[in-house]
Amino acid sequence: MLTAAITASLLIPAAASAQAPTAGLNELIAKHARANGVPEALVHRICREESRYQPRVVGGGGAMGLMQIKYTTARGLGYRGSAAGLLDPDTNLTWGVRYLAGAYRMAQGDAKVARVLYGTGY
């Protein structure tokens, strides 16, 4: 447990915990939420919890970017770019919100259940 906490603190700097999304990021989140039929608040929750709105964070197991989507997951959804491409906010939201939309549908519109499904790799 302590090892996980130390590892997490190394992946996301303490200063990042206070970061709020920029206006441009808010617009991107709104665009992708609308396009995928997912509540904007749910996308914000994922970005806040997974990366603290830090687009270049690489987490455990190769999870990348704002939504901490894995390269293999994005590829399974049709992404054809490089792993590094997932560090671009628009690209990350394109594939991360698409994946979240699947969890949201599986959860029959229950945002709390969708969050759990997303986090466990449904």
PDB file of N, CA and C in Angstrom:
ATOM      1  N   MET A   1       0.827  -1.187   0.000  1.00  0.00           N
ATOM      2  CA  MET A   1       0.000   0.000   0.000  1.00  0.00           C
ATOM      3  C   MET A   1       0.871   1.250   0.000  1.00  0.00           C
ATOM      4  N   LEU A   2       1.885   1.269   0.869  1.00  0.00           N
ATOM      5  CA  LEU A   2       2.787   2.403   0.921  1.00  0.00           C
ATOM      6  C   LEU A   2       3.543   2.539  -0.390  1.00  0.00           C
ATOM      7  N   THR A   3       3.953   1.421  -0.965  1.00  0.00           N
ATOM      8  CA  THR A   3       4.650   1.453  -2.250  1.00  0.00           C
ATOM      9  C   THR A   3       3.771   2.082  -3.321  1.00  0.00           C
ATOM     10  N   ALA A   4       2.498   1.734  -3.348  1.00  0.00           N
ATOM     11  CA  ALA A   4       1.579   2.308  -4.334  1.00  0.00           C
ATOM     12  C   ALA A   4       1.440   3.805  -4.140  1.00  0.00           C
ATOM     13  N   ALA A   5       1.378   4.260  -2.895  1.00  0.00           N
ATOM     14  CA  ALA A   5       1.250   5.692  -2.622  1.00  0.00           C
ATOM     15  C   ALA A   5       2.501   6.438  -3.060  1.00  0.00           C
ATOM     16  N   ILE A   6       3.663   5.855  -2.795  1.00  0.00           N
ATOM     17  CA  ILE A   6       4.917   6.487  -3.211  1.00  0.00           C
ATOM     18  C   ILE A   6       5.001   6.528  -4.728  1.00  0.00           C
ATOM     19  N   THR A   7       4.667   5.431  -5.382  1.00  0.00           N
ATOM     20  CA  THR A   7       4.687   5.384  -6.841  1.00  0.00           C
ATOM     21  C   THR A   7       3.746   6.423  -7.420  1.00  0.00           C
ATOM     22  N   ALA A   8       2.544   6.525  -6.884  1.00  0.00           N
ATOM     23  CA  ALA A   8       1.573   7.502  -7.382  1.00  0.00           C
ATOM     24  C   ALA A   8       2.090   8.916  -7.200  1.00  0.00           C
ATOM     25  N   SER A   9       2.756   9.185  -6.077  1.00  0.00           N
ATOM     26  CA  SER A   9       3.254  10.537  -5.851  1.00  0.00           C
ATOM     27  C   SER A   9       4.377  10.884  -6.819  1.00  0.00           C
ATOM     28  N   LEU A  10       5.096   9.897  -7.301  1.00  0.00           N
ATOM     29  CA  LEU A  10       6.146  10.148  -8.282  1.00  0.00           C
ATOM     30  C   LEU A  10       5.567  10.398  -9.670  1.00  0.00           C
ATOM     31  N   LEU A  11       4.446   9.775  -9.975  1.00  0.00           N
ATOM     32  CA  LEU A  11       3.846   9.909 -11.296  1.00  0.00           C
ATOM     33  C   LEU A  11       3.123  11.235 -11.470  1.00  0.00           C
ATOM     34  N   ILE A  12       2.486  11.731 -10.400  1.00  0.00           N
ATOM     35  CA  ILE A  12       1.743  12.982 -10.475  1.00  0.00           C
ATOM     36  C   ILE A  12       2.316  13.919  -9.423  1.00  0.00           C
ATOM     37  N   PRO A  13       3.015  14.978  -9.846  1.00  0.00           N
ATOM     38  CA  PRO A  13       3.620  15.894  -8.892  1.00  0.00           C
ATOM     39  C   PRO A  13       2.577  16.503  -7.957  1.00  0.00           C
ATOM     40  N   ALA A  14       2.984  16.793  -6.717  1.00  0.00           N
ATOM     41  CA  ALA A  14       2.066  17.364  -5.735  1.00  0.00           C
ATOM     42  C   ALA A  14       1.447  18.662  -6.236  1.00  0.00           C
ATOM     43  N   ALA A  15       2.205  19.480  -6.945  1.00  0.00           N
ATOM     44  CA  ALA A  15       1.675  20.745  -7.464  1.00  0.00           C
ATOM     45  C   ALA A  15       0.536  20.518  -8.436  1.00  0.00           C
ATOM     46  N   ALA A  16       0.513  19.354  -9.060  1.00  0.00           N
ATOM     47  CA  ALA A  16      -0.531  19.069 -10.042  1.00  0.00           C
ATOM     48  C   ALA A  16      -1.889  18.893  -9.391  1.00  0.00           C
ATOM     49  N   SER A  17      -1.913  18.559  -8.096  1.00  0.00           N
ATOM     50  CA  SER A  17      -3.191  18.297  -7.441  1.00  0.00           C
ATOM     51  C   SER A  17      -4.084  19.523  -7.411  1.00  0.00           C
ATOM     52  N   ALA A  18      -3.505  20.705  -7.500  1.00  0.00           N
ATOM     53  CA  ALA A  18      -4.302  21.926  -7.438  1.00  0.00           C
ATOM     54  C   ALA A  18      -4.695  22.436  -8.821  1.00  0.00           C
ATOM     55  N   GLN A  19      -4.228  21.799  -9.867  1.00  0.00           N
ATOM     56  CA  GLN A  19      -4.475  22.300 -11.213  1.00  0.00           C
ATOM     57  C   GLN A  19      -5.933  22.159 -11.616  1.00  0.00           C
ATOM     58  N   ALA A  20      -6.438  23.198 -12.234  1.00  0.00           N
ATOM     59  CA  ALA A  20      -7.796  23.185 -12.787  1.00  0.00           C
ATOM     60  C   ALA A  20      -7.676  23.194 -14.307  1.00  0.00           C
ATOM     61  N   PRO A  21      -8.708  22.740 -14.991  1.00  0.00           N
ATOM     62  CA  PRO A  21      -8.639  22.729 -16.456  1.00  0.00           C
ATOM     63  C   PRO A  21      -8.645  24.143 -17.029  1.00  0.00           C
ATOM     64  N   THR A  22      -7.954  24.316 -18.134  1.00  0.00           N
ATOM     65  CA  THR A  22      -7.964  25.596 -18.837  1.00  0.00           C
ATOM     66  C   THR A  22      -9.271  25.732 -19.606  1.00  0.00           C
ATOM     67  N   ALA A  23      -9.542  26.941 -20.082  1.00  0.00           N
ATOM     68  CA  ALA A  23     -10.757  27.161 -20.883  1.00  0.00           C
ATOM     69  C   ALA A  23     -10.737  26.278 -22.126  1.00  0.00           C
ATOM     70  N   GLY A  24      -9.575  26.169 -22.757  1.00  0.00           N
ATOM     71  CA  GLY A  24      -9.459  25.329 -23.951  1.00  0.00           C
ATOM     72  C   GLY A  24      -9.738  23.868 -23.649  1.00  0.00           C
ATOM     73  N   LEU A  25      -9.262  23.406 -22.511  1.00  0.00           N
ATOM     74  CA  LEU A  25      -9.501  22.024 -22.118  1.00  0.00           C
ATOM     75  C   LEU A  25     -10.980  21.812 -21.787  1.00  0.00           C
ATOM     76  N   ASN A  26     -11.587  22.778 -21.133  1.00  0.00           N
ATOM     77  CA  ASN A  26     -13.031  22.688 -20.862  1.00  0.00           C
ATOM     78  C   ASN A  26     -13.815  22.542 -22.159  1.00  0.00           C
ATOM     79  N   GLU A  27     -13.419  23.296 -23.180  1.00  0.00           N
ATOM     80  CA  GLU A  27     -14.099  23.219 -24.484  1.00  0.00           C
ATOM     81  C   GLU A  27     -13.916  21.844 -25.117  1.00  0.00           C
ATOM     82  N   LEU A  28     -12.703  21.313 -25.053  1.00  0.00           N
ATOM     83  CA  LEU A  28     -12.450  19.975 -25.609  1.00  0.00           C
ATOM     84  C   LEU A  28     -13.263  18.912 -24.880  1.00  0.00           C
ATOM     85  N   ILE A  29     -13.307  19.003 -23.576  1.00  0.00           N
ATOM     86  CA  ILE A  29     -14.080  18.033 -22.794  1.00  0.00           C
ATOM     87  C   ILE A  29     -15.550  18.113 -23.172  1.00  0.00           C
ATOM     88  N   ALA A  30     -16.071  19.320 -23.280  1.00  0.00           N
ATOM     89  CA  ALA A  30     -17.484  19.496 -23.658  1.00  0.00           C
ATOM     90  C   ALA A  30     -17.748  18.904 -25.041  1.00  0.00           C
ATOM     91  N   LYS A  31     -16.844  19.161 -25.986  1.00  0.00           N
ATOM     92  CA  LYS A  31     -17.001  18.655 -27.355  1.00  0.00           C
ATOM     93  C   LYS A  31     -17.047  17.129 -27.377  1.00  0.00           C
ATOM     94  N   HIS A  32     -16.108  16.495 -26.702  1.00  0.00           N
ATOM     95  CA  HIS A  32     -16.037  15.033 -26.725  1.00  0.00           C
ATOM     96  C   HIS A  32     -17.169  14.391 -25.921  1.00  0.00           C
ATOM     97  N   ALA A  33     -17.576  15.021 -24.838  1.00  0.00           N
ATOM     98  CA  ALA A  33     -18.705  14.500 -24.059  1.00  0.00           C
ATOM     99  C   ALA A  33     -19.973  14.515 -24.912  1.00  0.00           C
ATOM    100  N   ARG A  34     -20.223  15.629 -25.582  1.00  0.00           N
ATOM    101  CA  ARG A  34     -21.409  15.737 -26.459  1.00  0.00           C
ATOM    102  C   ARG A  34     -21.358  14.708 -27.574  1.00  0.00           C
ATOM    103  N   ALA A  35     -20.210  14.581 -28.217  1.00  0.00           N
ATOM    104  CA  ALA A  35     -20.065  13.674 -29.360  1.00  0.00           C
ATOM    105  C   ALA A  35     -20.303  12.212 -28.977  1.00  0.00           C
ATOM    106  N   ASN A  36     -20.066  11.882 -27.716  1.00  0.00           N
ATOM    107  CA  ASN A  36     -20.179  10.488 -27.276  1.00  0.00           C
ATOM    108  C   ASN A  36     -21.363  10.229 -26.347  1.00  0.00           C
ATOM    109  N   GLY A  37     -22.174  11.255 -26.109  1.00  0.00           N
ATOM    110  CA  GLY A  37     -23.350  11.074 -25.264  1.00  0.00           C
ATOM    111  C   GLY A  37     -23.038  10.753 -23.815  1.00  0.00           C
ATOM    112  N   VAL A  38     -21.981  11.373 -23.304  1.00  0.00           N
ATOM    113  CA  VAL A  38     -21.538  11.148 -21.929  1.00  0.00           C
ATOM    114  C   VAL A  38     -21.659  12.471 -21.173  1.00  0.00           C
ATOM    115  N   PRO A  39     -22.088  12.447 -19.922  1.00  0.00           N
ATOM    116  CA  PRO A  39     -22.153  13.701 -19.163  1.00  0.00           C
ATOM    117  C   PRO A  39     -20.778  14.365 -19.053  1.00  0.00           C
ATOM    118  N   GLU A  40     -20.759  15.650 -19.309  1.00  0.00           N
ATOM    119  CA  GLU A  40     -19.516  16.410 -19.227  1.00  0.00           C
ATOM    120  C   GLU A  40     -18.890  16.274 -17.833  1.00  0.00           C
ATOM    121  N   ALA A  41     -19.719  16.287 -16.806  1.00  0.00           N
ATOM    122  CA  ALA A  41     -19.217  16.170 -15.430  1.00  0.00           C
ATOM    123  C   ALA A  41     -18.481  14.848 -15.212  1.00  0.00           C
ATOM    124  N   LEU A  42     -18.916  13.795 -15.869  1.00  0.00           N
ATOM    125  CA  LEU A  42     -18.253  12.495 -15.736  1.00  0.00           C
ATOM    126  C   LEU A  42     -16.871  12.533 -16.382  1.00  0.00           C
ATOM    127  N   VAL A  43     -16.759  13.158 -17.532  1.00  0.00           N
ATOM    128  CA  VAL A  43     -15.450  13.276 -18.189  1.00  0.00           C
ATOM    129  C   VAL A  43     -14.514  14.102 -17.309  1.00  0.00           C
ATOM    130  N   HIS A  44     -15.028  15.189 -16.743  1.00  0.00           N
ATOM    131  CA  HIS A  44     -14.205  15.999 -15.829  1.00  0.00           C
ATOM    132  C   HIS A  44     -13.749  15.161 -14.637  1.00  0.00           C
ATOM    133  N   ARG A  45     -14.635  14.361 -14.104  1.00  0.00           N
ATOM    134  CA  ARG A  45     -14.275  13.536 -12.951  1.00  0.00           C
ATOM    135  C   ARG A  45     -13.135  12.582 -13.300  1.00  0.00           C
ATOM    136  N   ILE A  46     -13.233  11.950 -14.458  1.00  0.00           N
ATOM    137  CA  ILE A  46     -12.172  11.028 -14.885  1.00  0.00           C
ATOM    138  C   ILE A  46     -10.852  11.783 -15.028  1.00  0.00           C
ATOM    139  N   CYS A  47     -10.875  12.910 -15.720  1.00  0.00           N
ATOM    140  CA  CYS A  47      -9.639  13.686 -15.934  1.00  0.00           C
ATOM    141  C   CYS A  47      -9.045  14.170 -14.613  1.00  0.00           C
ATOM    142  N   ARG A  48      -9.895  14.611 -13.718  1.00  0.00           N
ATOM    143  CA  ARG A  48      -9.429  15.103 -12.416  1.00  0.00           C
ATOM    144  C   ARG A  48      -8.818  13.961 -11.598  1.00  0.00           C
ATOM    145  N   GLU A  49      -9.515  12.839 -11.531  1.00  0.00           N
ATOM    146  CA  GLU A  49      -9.043  11.727 -10.709  1.00  0.00           C
ATOM    147  C   GLU A  49      -7.861  10.988 -11.324  1.00  0.00           C
ATOM    148  N   GLU A  50      -7.879  10.818 -12.627  1.00  0.00           N
ATOM    149  CA  GLU A  50      -6.841  10.019 -13.288  1.00  0.00           C
ATOM    150  C   GLU A  50      -5.540  10.785 -13.511  1.00  0.00           C
ATOM    151  N   SER A  51      -5.635  12.071 -13.848  1.00  0.00           N
ATOM    152  CA  SER A  51      -4.415  12.808 -14.209  1.00  0.00           C
ATOM    153  C   SER A  51      -4.295  14.179 -13.569  1.00  0.00           C
ATOM    154  N   ARG A  52      -5.301  14.586 -12.836  1.00  0.00           N
ATOM    155  CA  ARG A  52      -5.342  15.939 -12.277  1.00  0.00           C
ATOM    156  C   ARG A  52      -5.199  16.981 -13.383  1.00  0.00           C
ATOM    157  N   TYR A  53      -5.808  16.650 -14.512  1.00  0.00           N
ATOM    158  CA  TYR A  53      -5.818  17.510 -15.705  1.00  0.00           C
ATOM    159  C   TYR A  53      -4.422  17.739 -16.282  1.00  0.00           C
ATOM    160  N   GLN A  54      -3.507  16.820 -16.034  1.00  0.00           N
ATOM    161  CA  GLN A  54      -2.152  16.915 -16.579  1.00  0.00           C
ATOM    162  C   GLN A  54      -2.085  16.071 -17.851  1.00  0.00           C
ATOM    163  N   PRO A  55      -2.032  16.682 -19.032  1.00  0.00           N
ATOM    164  CA  PRO A  55      -2.120  15.917 -20.278  1.00  0.00           C
ATOM    165  C   PRO A  55      -0.921  15.026 -20.579  1.00  0.00           C
ATOM    166  N   ARG A  56       0.218  15.256 -19.929  1.00  0.00           N
ATOM    167  CA  ARG A  56       1.413  14.489 -20.268  1.00  0.00           C
ATOM    168  C   ARG A  56       1.771  13.432 -19.219  1.00  0.00           C
ATOM    169  N   VAL A  57       0.858  13.160 -18.310  1.00  0.00           N
ATOM    170  CA  VAL A  57       1.110  12.164 -17.269  1.00  0.00           C
ATOM    171  C   VAL A  57       1.100  10.759 -17.871  1.00  0.00           C
ATOM    172  N   VAL A  58       2.110   9.979 -17.505  1.00  0.00           N
ATOM    173  CA  VAL A  58       2.143   8.560 -17.863  1.00  0.00           C
ATOM    174  C   VAL A  58       2.097   7.799 -16.547  1.00  0.00           C
ATOM    175  N   GLY A  59       1.066   6.998 -16.387  1.00  0.00           N
ATOM    176  CA  GLY A  59       0.860   6.286 -15.130  1.00  0.00           C
ATOM    177  C   GLY A  59       1.293   4.838 -15.196  1.00  0.00           C
ATOM    178  N   GLY A  60       0.952   4.136 -14.167  1.00  0.00           N
ATOM    179  CA  GLY A  60       1.279   2.726 -14.074  1.00  0.00           C
ATOM    180  C   GLY A  60       0.638   1.914 -15.182  1.00  0.00           C
ATOM    181  N   GLY A  61       1.345   0.914 -15.634  1.00  0.00           N
ATOM    182  CA  GLY A  61       0.815   0.038 -16.669  1.00  0.00           C
ATOM    183  C   GLY A  61       0.711   0.691 -18.032  1.00  0.00           C
ATOM    184  N   GLY A  62       1.347   1.846 -18.200  1.00  0.00           N
ATOM    185  CA  GLY A  62       1.333   2.507 -19.496  1.00  0.00           C
ATOM    186  C   GLY A  62       0.117   3.368 -19.765  1.00  0.00           C
ATOM    187  N   ALA A  63      -0.688   3.651 -18.744  1.00  0.00           N
ATOM    188  CA  ALA A  63      -1.844   4.535 -18.923  1.00  0.00           C
ATOM    189  C   ALA A  63      -1.335   5.944 -19.215  1.00  0.00           C
ATOM    190  N   MET A  64      -1.979   6.615 -20.174  1.00  0.00           N
ATOM    191  CA  MET A  64      -1.428   7.868 -20.674  1.00  0.00           C
ATOM    192  C   MET A  64      -2.429   9.012 -20.710  1.00  0.00           C
ATOM    193  N   GLY A  65      -1.911  10.202 -20.438  1.00  0.00           N
ATOM    194  CA  GLY A  65      -2.649  11.427 -20.679  1.00  0.00           C
ATOM    195  C   GLY A  65      -3.777  11.729 -19.712  1.00  0.00           C
ATOM    196  N   LEU A  66      -4.611  12.660 -20.131  1.00  0.00           N
ATOM    197  CA  LEU A  66      -5.702  13.167 -19.303  1.00  0.00           C
ATOM    198  C   LEU A  66      -6.587  12.081 -18.726  1.00  0.00           C
ATOM    199  N   MET A  67      -6.962  11.130 -19.565  1.00  0.00           N
ATOM    200  CA  MET A  67      -7.902  10.095 -19.136  1.00  0.00           C
ATOM    201  C   MET A  67      -7.210   8.788 -18.778  1.00  0.00           C
ATOM    202  N   GLN A  68      -5.866   8.798 -18.834  1.00  0.00           N
ATOM    203  CA  GLN A  68      -5.076   7.618 -18.488  1.00  0.00           C
ATOM    204  C   GLN A  68      -5.530   6.379 -19.255  1.00  0.00           C
ATOM    205  N   ILE A  69      -5.720   6.554 -20.551  1.00  0.00           N
ATOM    206  CA  ILE A  69      -6.088   5.427 -21.408  1.00  0.00           C
ATOM    207  C   ILE A  69      -4.812   4.706 -21.836  1.00  0.00           C
ATOM    208  N   LYS A  70      -4.882   3.411 -21.908  1.00  0.00           N
ATOM    209  CA  LYS A  70      -3.726   2.625 -22.341  1.00  0.00           C
ATOM    210  C   LYS A  70      -3.682   2.583 -23.865  1.00  0.00           C
ATOM    211  N   TYR A  71      -2.478   2.528 -24.374  1.00  0.00           N
ATOM    212  CA  TYR A  71      -2.267   2.479 -25.822  1.00  0.00           C
ATOM    213  C   TYR A  71      -3.003   1.292 -26.441  1.00  0.00           C
ATOM    214  N   THR A  72      -2.919   0.130 -25.799  1.00  0.00           N
ATOM    215  CA  THR A  72      -3.582  -1.056 -26.355  1.00  0.00           C
ATOM    216  C   THR A  72      -5.104  -0.889 -26.373  1.00  0.00           C
ATOM    217  N   THR A  73      -5.636  -0.212 -25.379  1.00  0.00           N
ATOM    218  CA  THR A  73      -7.081   0.042 -25.346  1.00  0.00           C
ATOM    219  C   THR A  73      -7.480   0.961 -26.489  1.00  0.00           C
ATOM    220  N   ALA A  74      -6.725   2.039 -26.668  1.00  0.00           N
ATOM    221  CA  ALA A  74      -7.017   2.975 -27.761  1.00  0.00           C
ATOM    222  C   ALA A  74      -6.900   2.271 -29.116  1.00  0.00           C
ATOM    223  N   ARG A  75      -5.887   1.437 -29.279  1.00  0.00           N
ATOM    224  CA  ARG A  75      -5.730   0.692 -30.537  1.00  0.00           C
ATOM    225  C   ARG A  75      -6.934  -0.218 -30.771  1.00  0.00           C
ATOM    226  N   GLY A  76      -7.421  -0.840 -29.722  1.00  0.00           N
ATOM    227  CA  GLY A  76      -8.589  -1.702 -29.836  1.00  0.00           C
ATOM    228  C   GLY A  76      -9.845  -0.952 -30.263  1.00  0.00           C
ATOM    229  N   LEU A  77      -9.855   0.354 -30.013  1.00  0.00           N
ATOM    230  CA  LEU A  77     -10.987   1.198 -30.412  1.00  0.00           C
ATOM    231  C   LEU A  77     -10.814   1.790 -31.808  1.00  0.00           C
ATOM    232  N   GLY A  78      -9.623   1.572 -32.399  1.00  0.00           N
ATOM    233  CA  GLY A  78      -9.387   2.076 -33.747  1.00  0.00           C
ATOM    234  C   GLY A  78      -8.290   3.110 -33.879  1.00  0.00           C
ATOM    235  N   TYR A  79      -7.654   3.497 -32.795  1.00  0.00           N
ATOM    236  CA  TYR A  79      -6.566   4.482 -32.847  1.00  0.00           C
ATOM    237  C   TYR A  79      -5.393   3.898 -33.621  1.00  0.00           C
ATOM    238  N   ARG A  80      -4.820   4.677 -34.514  1.00  0.00           N
ATOM    239  CA  ARG A  80      -3.707   4.189 -35.331  1.00  0.00           C
ATOM    240  C   ARG A  80      -2.431   5.008 -35.169  1.00  0.00           C
ATOM    241  N   GLY A  81      -2.426   5.938 -34.240  1.00  0.00           N
ATOM    242  CA  GLY A  81      -1.246   6.758 -34.008  1.00  0.00           C
ATOM    243  C   GLY A  81      -0.256   6.076 -33.076  1.00  0.00           C
ATOM    244  N   SER A  82       0.748   6.831 -32.688  1.00  0.00           N
ATOM    245  CA  SER A  82       1.772   6.326 -31.771  1.00  0.00           C
ATOM    246  C   SER A  82       1.286   6.438 -30.331  1.00  0.00           C
ATOM    247  N   ALA A  83       1.972   5.744 -29.449  1.00  0.00           N
ATOM    248  CA  ALA A  83       1.642   5.854 -28.026  1.00  0.00           C
ATOM    249  C   ALA A  83       1.803   7.299 -27.563  1.00  0.00           C
ATOM    250  N   ALA A  84       2.864   7.951 -28.006  1.00  0.00           N
ATOM    251  CA  ALA A  84       3.104   9.343 -27.616  1.00  0.00           C
ATOM    252  C   ALA A  84       1.978  10.268 -28.076  1.00  0.00           C
ATOM    253  N   GLY A  85       1.304   9.904 -29.141  1.00  0.00           N
ATOM    254  CA  GLY A  85       0.189  10.711 -29.629  1.00  0.00           C
ATOM    255  C   GLY A  85      -0.942  10.822 -28.626  1.00  0.00           C
ATOM    256  N   LEU A  86      -1.043   9.851 -27.722  1.00  0.00           N
ATOM    257  CA  LEU A  86      -2.097   9.884 -26.704  1.00  0.00           C
ATOM    258  C   LEU A  86      -1.842  10.936 -25.632  1.00  0.00           C
ATOM    259  N   LEU A  87      -0.684  11.573 -25.670  1.00  0.00           N
ATOM    260  CA  LEU A  87      -0.402  12.658 -24.737  1.00  0.00           C
ATOM    261  C   LEU A  87      -0.970  13.986 -25.232  1.00  0.00           C
ATOM    262  N   ASP A  88      -1.451  14.016 -26.455  1.00  0.00           N
ATOM    263  CA  ASP A  88      -2.136  15.201 -26.981  1.00  0.00           C
ATOM    264  C   ASP A  88      -3.544  15.223 -26.388  1.00  0.00           C
ATOM    265  N   PRO A  89      -3.963  16.332 -25.769  1.00  0.00           N
ATOM    266  CA  PRO A  89      -5.275  16.361 -25.116  1.00  0.00           C
ATOM    267  C   PRO A  89      -6.447  15.987 -26.020  1.00  0.00           C
ATOM    268  N   ASP A  90      -6.491  16.507 -27.232  1.00  0.00           N
ATOM    269  CA  ASP A  90      -7.616  16.209 -28.125  1.00  0.00           C
ATOM    270  C   ASP A  90      -7.629  14.727 -28.502  1.00  0.00           C
ATOM    271  N   THR A  91      -6.468  14.190 -28.808  1.00  0.00           N
ATOM    272  CA  THR A  91      -6.367  12.769 -29.156  1.00  0.00           C
ATOM    273  C   THR A  91      -6.746  11.899 -27.961  1.00  0.00           C
ATOM    274  N   ASN A  92      -6.231  12.242 -26.795  1.00  0.00           N
ATOM    275  CA  ASN A  92      -6.523  11.461 -25.602  1.00  0.00           C
ATOM    276  C   ASN A  92      -8.014  11.482 -25.288  1.00  0.00           C
ATOM    277  N   LEU A  93      -8.633  12.636 -25.405  1.00  0.00           N
ATOM    278  CA  LEU A  93     -10.069  12.733 -25.139  1.00  0.00           C
ATOM    279  C   LEU A  93     -10.880  12.010 -26.208  1.00  0.00           C
ATOM    280  N   THR A  94     -10.422  12.044 -27.456  1.00  0.00           N
ATOM    281  CA  THR A  94     -11.134  11.322 -28.515  1.00  0.00           C
ATOM    282  C   THR A  94     -11.296   9.859 -28.136  1.00  0.00           C
ATOM    283  N   TRP A  95     -10.208   9.229 -27.739  1.00  0.00           N
ATOM    284  CA  TRP A  95     -10.221   7.796 -27.469  1.00  0.00           C
ATOM    285  C   TRP A  95     -10.649   7.474 -26.047  1.00  0.00           C
ATOM    286  N   GLY A  96     -10.256   8.301 -25.096  1.00  0.00           N
ATOM    287  CA  GLY A  96     -10.654   8.073 -23.711  1.00  0.00           C
ATOM    288  C   GLY A  96     -12.152   8.219 -23.497  1.00  0.00           C
ATOM    289  N   VAL A  97     -12.748   9.254 -24.091  1.00  0.00           N
ATOM    290  CA  VAL A  97     -14.188   9.452 -23.925  1.00  0.00           C
ATOM    291  C   VAL A  97     -14.957   8.389 -24.711  1.00  0.00           C
ATOM    292  N   ARG A  98     -14.428   7.961 -25.830  1.00  0.00           N
ATOM    293  CA  ARG A  98     -15.072   6.868 -26.570  1.00  0.00           C
ATOM    294  C   ARG A  98     -15.115   5.604 -25.701  1.00  0.00           C
ATOM    295  N   TYR A  99     -14.011   5.324 -25.029  1.00  0.00           N
ATOM    296  CA  TYR A  99     -13.957   4.166 -24.135  1.00  0.00           C
ATOM    297  C   TYR A  99     -14.909   4.357 -22.948  1.00  0.00           C
ATOM    298  N   LEU A 100     -14.919   5.554 -22.386  1.00  0.00           N
ATOM    299  CA  LEU A 100     -15.824   5.865 -21.280  1.00  0.00           C
ATOM    300  C   LEU A 100     -17.281   5.717 -21.708  1.00  0.00           C
ATOM    301  N   ALA A 101     -17.596   6.092 -22.932  1.00  0.00           N
ATOM    302  CA  ALA A 101     -18.972   5.975 -23.435  1.00  0.00           C
ATOM    303  C   ALA A 101     -19.435   4.521 -23.421  1.00  0.00           C
ATOM    304  N   GLY A 102     -18.534   3.601 -23.718  1.00  0.00           N
ATOM    305  CA  GLY A 102     -18.881   2.184 -23.653  1.00  0.00           C
ATOM    306  C   GLY A 102     -19.222   1.765 -22.229  1.00  0.00           C
ATOM    307  N   ALA A 103     -18.435   2.255 -21.280  1.00  0.00           N
ATOM    308  CA  ALA A 103     -18.711   1.953 -19.871  1.00  0.00           C
ATOM    309  C   ALA A 103     -20.029   2.582 -19.438  1.00  0.00           C
ATOM    310  N   TYR A 104     -20.290   3.791 -19.922  1.00  0.00           N
ATOM    311  CA  TYR A 104     -21.526   4.505 -19.573  1.00  0.00           C
ATOM    312  C   TYR A 104     -22.751   3.767 -20.121  1.00  0.00           C
ATOM    313  N   ARG A 105     -22.638   3.273 -21.329  1.00  0.00           N
ATOM    314  CA  ARG A 105     -23.742   2.483 -21.906  1.00  0.00           C
ATOM    315  C   ARG A 105     -23.933   1.178 -21.134  1.00  0.00           C
ATOM    316  N   MET A 106     -22.830   0.520 -20.812  1.00  0.00           N
ATOM    317  CA  MET A 106     -22.909  -0.731 -20.068  1.00  0.00           C
ATOM    318  C   MET A 106     -23.554  -0.498 -18.695  1.00  0.00           C
ATOM    319  N   ALA A 107     -23.294   0.668 -18.115  1.00  0.00           N
ATOM    320  CA  ALA A 107     -23.842   1.019 -16.804  1.00  0.00           C
ATOM    321  C   ALA A 107     -25.262   1.570 -16.911  1.00  0.00           C
ATOM    322  N   GLN A 108     -25.816   1.552 -18.103  1.00  0.00           N
ATOM    323  CA  GLN A 108     -27.174   2.036 -18.370  1.00  0.00           C
ATOM    324  C   GLN A 108     -27.376   3.467 -17.870  1.00  0.00           C
ATOM    325  N   GLY A 109     -26.354   4.301 -18.108  1.00  0.00           N
ATOM    326  CA  GLY A 109     -26.454   5.714 -17.770  1.00  0.00           C
ATOM    327  C   GLY A 109     -26.149   6.065 -16.327  1.00  0.00           C
ATOM    328  N   ASP A 110     -25.689   5.114 -15.555  1.00  0.00           N
ATOM    329  CA  ASP A 110     -25.330   5.380 -14.159  1.00  0.00           C
ATOM    330  C   ASP A 110     -23.860   5.817 -14.126  1.00  0.00           C
ATOM    331  N   ALA A 111     -23.639   7.105 -13.864  1.00  0.00           N
ATOM    332  CA  ALA A 111     -22.288   7.659 -13.916  1.00  0.00           C
ATOM    333  C   ALA A 111     -21.353   7.021 -12.888  1.00  0.00           C
ATOM    334  N   LYS A 112     -21.860   6.713 -11.707  1.00  0.00           N
ATOM    335  CA  LYS A 112     -21.009   6.099 -10.676  1.00  0.00           C
ATOM    336  C   LYS A 112     -20.546   4.708 -11.098  1.00  0.00           C
ATOM    337  N   VAL A 113     -21.455   3.946 -11.643  1.00  0.00           N
ATOM    338  CA  VAL A 113     -21.098   2.603 -12.116  1.00  0.00           C
ATOM    339  C   VAL A 113     -20.150   2.716 -13.311  1.00  0.00           C
ATOM    340  N   ALA A 114     -20.406   3.668 -14.196  1.00  0.00           N
ATOM    341  CA  ALA A 114     -19.536   3.871 -15.360  1.00  0.00           C
ATOM    342  C   ALA A 114     -18.119   4.204 -14.919  1.00  0.00           C
ATOM    343  N   ARG A 115     -17.977   5.003 -13.874  1.00  0.00           N
ATOM    344  CA  ARG A 115     -16.657   5.370 -13.363  1.00  0.00           C
ATOM    345  C   ARG A 115     -15.911   4.124 -12.880  1.00  0.00           C
ATOM    346  N   VAL A 116     -16.611   3.277 -12.162  1.00  0.00           N
ATOM    347  CA  VAL A 116     -15.999   2.038 -11.666  1.00  0.00           C
ATOM    348  C   VAL A 116     -15.609   1.141 -12.839  1.00  0.00           C
ATOM    349  N   LEU A 117     -16.505   0.992 -13.797  1.00  0.00           N
ATOM    350  CA  LEU A 117     -16.209   0.166 -14.972  1.00  0.00           C
ATOM    351  C   LEU A 117     -14.991   0.702 -15.718  1.00  0.00           C
ATOM    352  N   TYR A 118     -14.945   2.018 -15.925  1.00  0.00           N
ATOM    353  CA  TYR A 118     -13.822   2.641 -16.621  1.00  0.00           C
ATOM    354  C   TYR A 118     -12.518   2.349 -15.872  1.00  0.00           C
ATOM    355  N   GLY A 119     -12.546   2.530 -14.569  1.00  0.00           N
ATOM    356  CA  GLY A 119     -11.342   2.347 -13.759  1.00  0.00           C
ATOM    357  C   GLY A 119     -10.848   0.916 -13.687  1.00  0.00           C
ATOM    358  N   THR A 120     -11.746  -0.029 -13.897  1.00  0.00           N
ATOM    359  CA  THR A 120     -11.344  -1.437 -13.828  1.00  0.00           C
ATOM    360  C   THR A 120     -11.114  -2.049 -15.202  1.00  0.00           C
ATOM    361  N   GLY A 121     -11.281  -1.241 -16.247  1.00  0.00           N
ATOM    362  CA  GLY A 121     -11.030  -1.744 -17.595  1.00  0.00           C
ATOM    363  C   GLY A 121     -12.113  -2.658 -18.106  1.00  0.00           C
ATOM    364  N   TYR A 122     -13.335  -2.373 -17.745  1.00  0.00           N
ATOM    365  CA  TYR A 122     -14.507  -3.191 -18.080  1.00  0.00           C
ATOM    366  C   TYR A 122     -14.253  -4.062 -19.255  1.00  0.00           C
TER     367      TYR A 122
END
